[in-house]
């Protein structure tokens, strides 16, 4: 009986601890569309934070556990669910890129769907809004310094 319990407790660890090498070999990369948001009427600038602070904001079409790697190292794994009325998850990650090399690579994967995408950090922006369209299997990424859904 103890062996069975240990076995069942170890399954989530095996399933949910994907190394980035495993992600690349077993998962499919998805298309990505990158946009740069310029200030428009009514936009609020993101308040100044600690130097090097940067936000990843997960918005539309998420209902999954998402793993975020920075330069190949697992940074965060969390469940995100989009609120259909607002179109956002209401969750974001705050990163401090002062501790990373210039232009670190951000890899975002969804293990349950065996998919991932990669983005390069752009130090000119404070927020990276991330959308994923389930229907088209495509990611939309918007670099911006404006937005009310951060902080």
Protein backbone atom coordinates (compact mmCIF):
# COMPACT_ATOMS: atom_id res chain seq x y z
CA UNK A 1 0.00 0.00 0.00
CA UNK A 2 2.81 2.43 0.78
CA UNK A 3 4.38 1.81 -2.62
CA UNK A 4 1.13 2.69 -4.39
CA UNK A 5 0.80 5.93 -2.43
CA UNK A 6 4.36 6.93 -3.21
CA UNK A 7 3.79 6.11 -6.87
CA UNK A 8 0.66 8.28 -7.07
CA UNK A 9 2.39 11.14 -5.28
CA UNK A 10 5.29 11.02 -7.70
CA UNK A 11 3.16 11.19 -10.87
CA UNK A 12 2.43 14.96 -10.64
CA UNK A 13 6.13 15.63 -10.16
CA UNK A 14 6.99 13.65 -13.29
CA UNK A 15 4.24 15.26 -15.37
CA UNK A 16 4.69 18.84 -14.17
CA UNK A 17 8.47 19.19 -14.00
CA UNK A 18 9.36 19.46 -17.67
CA UNK A 19 12.89 20.59 -18.39
CA UNK A 20 13.27 23.00 -21.26
CA UNK A 21 15.09 20.32 -23.28
CA UNK A 22 12.02 18.08 -22.87
CA UNK A 23 9.77 20.94 -23.94
CA UNK A 24 11.79 21.44 -27.14
CA UNK A 25 11.88 17.73 -27.97
CA UNK A 26 8.29 16.79 -27.09
CA UNK A 27 6.24 19.97 -27.61
CA UNK A 28 5.26 21.86 -30.75
CA UNK A 29 6.29 25.51 -31.22
CA UNK A 30 3.39 27.77 -32.14
CA UNK A 31 3.28 30.86 -34.32
CA UNK A 32 3.73 34.22 -32.68
CA UNK A 33 2.67 37.69 -33.73
CA UNK A 34 4.54 40.58 -32.11
CA UNK A 35 3.19 44.12 -31.87
CA UNK A 36 4.48 47.31 -30.30
CA UNK A 37 1.78 49.43 -28.68
CA UNK A 38 2.12 53.18 -29.07
CA UNK A 39 0.34 55.59 -26.77
CA UNK A 40 -3.27 56.26 -27.65
CA UNK A 41 -5.76 58.66 -26.17
CA UNK A 42 -6.76 57.54 -22.68
CA UNK A 43 -3.75 55.29 -22.15
CA UNK A 44 -2.25 55.38 -18.68
CA UNK A 45 1.52 54.97 -18.49
CA UNK A 46 2.69 52.16 -16.25
CA UNK A 47 3.97 53.70 -13.05
CA UNK A 48 7.69 53.69 -12.50
CA UNK A 49 8.74 50.67 -10.51
CA UNK A 50 12.03 49.38 -9.30
CA UNK A 51 14.63 49.69 -12.00
CA UNK A 52 14.56 46.65 -14.25
CA UNK A 53 10.97 45.69 -13.32
CA UNK A 54 8.99 44.12 -16.12
CA UNK A 55 5.54 42.53 -16.24
CA UNK A 56 4.21 39.53 -18.13
CA UNK A 57 0.44 39.92 -18.31
CA UNK A 58 -1.54 36.86 -19.39
CA UNK A 59 -4.76 37.92 -21.05
CA UNK A 60 -7.05 36.08 -23.44
CA UNK A 61 -7.72 32.37 -24.01
CA UNK A 62 -5.98 30.71 -21.08
CA UNK A 63 -7.38 27.88 -19.01
CA UNK A 64 -4.21 25.98 -18.26
CA UNK A 65 -1.13 25.63 -16.15
CA UNK A 66 1.57 27.75 -17.76
CA UNK A 67 5.30 27.33 -17.26
CA UNK A 68 7.56 30.34 -17.78
CA UNK A 69 11.27 29.79 -18.34
CA UNK A 70 13.86 32.55 -18.48
CA UNK A 71 17.05 31.64 -20.30
CA UNK A 72 16.21 27.96 -19.87
CA UNK A 73 15.52 28.05 -16.12
CA UNK A 74 12.00 27.50 -14.81
CA UNK A 75 10.88 30.82 -13.33
CA UNK A 76 7.19 30.22 -12.61
CA UNK A 77 4.45 27.66 -13.02
CA UNK A 78 0.91 28.73 -12.31
CA UNK A 79 -2.66 28.08 -13.40
CA UNK A 80 -4.23 30.85 -15.50
CA UNK A 81 -7.91 31.09 -16.41
CA UNK A 82 -9.34 33.86 -18.57
CA UNK A 83 -12.42 35.60 -17.22
CA UNK A 84 -14.68 35.64 -20.28
CA UNK A 85 -16.40 38.89 -19.27
CA UNK A 86 -13.17 40.91 -18.97
CA UNK A 87 -10.97 38.95 -21.40
CA UNK A 88 -8.07 38.78 -18.94
CA UNK A 89 -6.81 36.38 -16.32
CA UNK A 90 -6.21 39.12 -13.77
CA UNK A 91 -2.77 37.62 -13.11
CA UNK A 92 0.67 38.84 -14.04
CA UNK A 93 4.27 38.08 -13.24
CA UNK A 94 6.71 40.75 -12.19
CA UNK A 95 10.27 40.09 -13.23
CA UNK A 96 13.45 42.00 -12.59
CA UNK A 97 15.71 41.75 -15.61
CA UNK A 98 18.68 43.46 -13.97
CA UNK A 99 19.75 39.97 -12.89
CA UNK A 100 19.74 38.51 -16.42
CA UNK A 101 21.89 38.86 -19.48
CA UNK A 102 20.88 41.44 -22.05
CA UNK A 103 17.76 40.34 -23.96
CA UNK A 104 16.96 37.12 -22.09
CA UNK A 105 14.83 34.53 -23.83
CA UNK A 106 11.38 33.96 -22.29
CA UNK A 107 9.86 30.56 -23.07
CA UNK A 108 6.20 30.04 -22.25
CA UNK A 109 4.75 26.56 -22.46
CA UNK A 110 1.47 24.82 -21.76
CA UNK A 111 2.33 21.20 -20.86
CA UNK A 112 -1.25 19.91 -21.10
CA UNK A 113 -1.36 20.98 -24.77
CA UNK A 114 2.30 20.20 -25.50
CA UNK A 115 2.90 23.65 -27.00
CA UNK A 116 5.27 26.53 -26.41
CA UNK A 117 6.44 29.86 -27.76
CA UNK A 118 9.54 31.99 -27.25
CA UNK A 119 9.93 35.73 -26.87
CA UNK A 120 12.96 37.95 -26.45
CA UNK A 121 12.82 40.55 -23.70
CA UNK A 122 12.92 44.14 -24.96
CA UNK A 123 14.21 46.51 -22.29
CA UNK A 124 12.45 49.52 -23.86
CA UNK A 125 9.10 48.23 -22.55
CA UNK A 126 7.67 47.58 -19.08
CA UNK A 127 4.83 45.23 -19.97
CA UNK A 128 4.43 42.25 -22.23
CA UNK A 129 0.75 41.41 -22.82
CA UNK A 130 0.30 37.80 -23.88
CA UNK A 131 -2.73 36.43 -25.69
CA UNK A 132 -3.25 33.00 -27.15
CA UNK A 133 -5.94 32.14 -29.65
CA UNK A 134 -6.97 28.52 -29.17
CA UNK A 135 -8.84 28.49 -32.48
CA UNK A 136 -5.81 29.55 -34.56
CA UNK A 137 -3.11 28.07 -32.30
CA UNK A 138 -1.36 31.41 -32.35
CA UNK A 139 0.16 33.70 -29.73
CA UNK A 140 -0.17 37.47 -29.84
CA UNK A 141 2.40 39.41 -27.88
CA UNK A 142 2.18 43.15 -27.35
CA UNK A 143 5.09 45.13 -25.94
CA UNK A 144 3.82 48.26 -24.20
CA UNK A 145 4.52 50.91 -21.60
CA UNK A 146 0.80 51.52 -21.08
CA UNK A 147 -2.01 49.61 -19.47
CA UNK A 148 -4.43 49.65 -16.61
CA UNK A 149 -4.36 45.92 -15.87
CA UNK A 150 -0.86 45.99 -14.36
CA UNK A 151 -0.49 47.00 -10.70
